[in-house]
Amino acid sequence: MSPSQESVFPEYETDTSQTSKLIRKFKETPFVPVGMAGFAAVVAYGLYKLKHRGDMKMSLHLIHMRVAAQGFVVGALTCGVLYSMYKEYIVKPKE
């Protein structure tokens, strides 16, 4: 890019570190990492309980774990949407 040309997205060019981009995204949408962590926790719990499922069929166990993981992620995303709507429409000062 020549020096006379102005950048289209200057905020993306100044933040070159992957960790700084990730931290900025987590600050913008705080419930996405919560959903990801909850999903990982449900999967870890499901793998742990897989050994002690008793006489429950494998497919039924996997369906329950999938529903639990998806429910956690959908719940976290719903909370995130409600939080962003609260910030934008209720807390935001009137113009």
Protein backbone atom coordinates (compact mmCIF):
# COMPACT_ATOMS: atom_id res chain seq x y z
CA MET A 1 0.00 0.00 0.00
CA SER A 2 1.42 3.41 -0.88
CA PRO A 3 1.80 6.01 1.88
CA SER A 4 -0.61 8.42 0.16
CA GLN A 5 -3.45 5.91 0.30
CA GLU A 6 -5.55 5.91 3.44
CA SER A 7 -6.35 2.60 5.05
CA VAL A 8 -9.92 1.34 4.86
CA PHE A 9 -9.78 -0.47 8.23
CA PRO A 10 -7.11 1.24 10.36
CA GLU A 11 -8.21 -0.43 13.61
CA TYR A 12 -7.50 -3.87 12.14
CA GLU A 13 -4.06 -2.94 10.87
CA THR A 14 -2.85 -1.53 14.19
CA ASP A 15 -3.92 -4.67 16.11
CA THR A 16 -1.69 -7.31 14.59
CA SER A 17 -1.35 -9.63 17.57
CA GLN A 18 -3.73 -12.60 17.59
CA THR A 19 -4.12 -12.43 21.36
CA SER A 20 -5.03 -8.75 21.30
CA LYS A 21 -7.65 -9.44 18.62
CA LEU A 22 -9.03 -12.31 20.69
CA ILE A 23 -9.17 -10.18 23.86
CA ARG A 24 -10.90 -7.37 21.95
CA LYS A 25 -13.51 -9.80 20.59
CA PHE A 26 -14.12 -11.25 24.05
CA LYS A 27 -14.70 -7.74 25.40
CA GLU A 28 -17.17 -6.97 22.59
CA THR A 29 -19.15 -10.22 23.05
CA PRO A 30 -18.49 -11.58 26.54
CA PHE A 31 -21.03 -14.42 26.40
CA VAL A 32 -19.44 -16.20 23.43
CA PRO A 33 -16.45 -17.44 25.46
CA VAL A 34 -18.86 -18.37 28.28
CA GLY A 35 -20.82 -20.49 25.79
CA MET A 36 -17.65 -22.08 24.47
CA ALA A 37 -16.42 -22.88 27.99
CA GLY A 38 -19.80 -24.32 28.94
CA PHE A 39 -19.82 -26.46 25.83
CA ALA A 40 -16.37 -27.78 26.68
CA ALA A 41 -17.46 -28.45 30.27
CA VAL A 42 -20.53 -30.41 29.16
CA VAL A 43 -18.44 -32.44 26.73
CA ALA A 44 -15.84 -33.17 29.43
CA TYR A 45 -18.58 -34.17 31.88
CA GLY A 46 -20.18 -36.38 29.23
CA LEU A 47 -16.90 -38.13 28.54
CA TYR A 48 -16.38 -38.66 32.27
CA LYS A 49 -19.89 -40.04 32.74
CA LEU A 50 -19.59 -42.23 29.66
CA LYS A 51 -17.73 -44.77 31.76
CA HIS A 52 -20.45 -44.90 34.44
CA ARG A 53 -23.59 -44.77 32.32
CA GLY A 54 -24.76 -48.18 33.51
CA ASP A 55 -27.08 -49.98 31.11
CA MET A 56 -28.07 -46.80 29.22
CA LYS A 57 -27.54 -47.14 25.48
CA MET A 58 -24.63 -45.25 23.97
CA SER A 59 -26.81 -43.40 21.47
CA LEU A 60 -29.16 -42.18 24.20
CA HIS A 61 -26.24 -40.97 26.29
CA LEU A 62 -24.77 -39.10 23.33
CA ILE A 63 -28.12 -37.49 22.51
CA HIS A 64 -28.47 -36.27 26.10
CA MET A 65 -24.98 -34.80 26.06
CA ARG A 66 -25.55 -33.12 22.71
CA VAL A 67 -28.79 -31.54 23.90
CA ALA A 68 -27.12 -30.34 27.11
CA ALA A 69 -24.18 -28.82 25.22
CA GLN A 70 -26.41 -27.12 22.66
CA GLY A 71 -28.70 -25.85 25.39
CA PHE A 72 -25.80 -24.27 27.24
CA VAL A 73 -24.51 -22.56 24.10
CA VAL A 74 -27.96 -21.30 23.07
CA GLY A 75 -28.57 -20.04 26.60
CA ALA A 76 -25.25 -18.18 26.66
CA LEU A 77 -25.89 -16.63 23.25
CA THR A 78 -29.39 -15.58 24.32
CA CYS A 79 -27.96 -13.93 27.43
CA GLY A 80 -25.38 -12.20 25.23
CA VAL A 81 -28.05 -10.84 22.89
CA LEU A 82 -30.14 -9.63 25.81
CA TYR A 83 -27.06 -8.01 27.36
CA SER A 84 -26.17 -6.19 24.14
CA MET A 85 -29.78 -5.02 23.71
CA TYR A 86 -29.73 -3.78 27.30
CA LYS A 87 -26.49 -1.87 26.68
CA GLU A 88 -27.71 -0.40 23.41
CA TYR A 89 -31.28 0.55 24.24
CA ILE A 90 -31.49 1.07 28.00
CA VAL A 91 -28.06 2.15 29.23
CA LYS A 92 -27.07 4.11 26.12
CA PRO A 93 -27.62 7.84 26.64
CA LYS A 94 -30.30 9.42 24.50
CA GLU A 95 -29.03 11.47 21.60
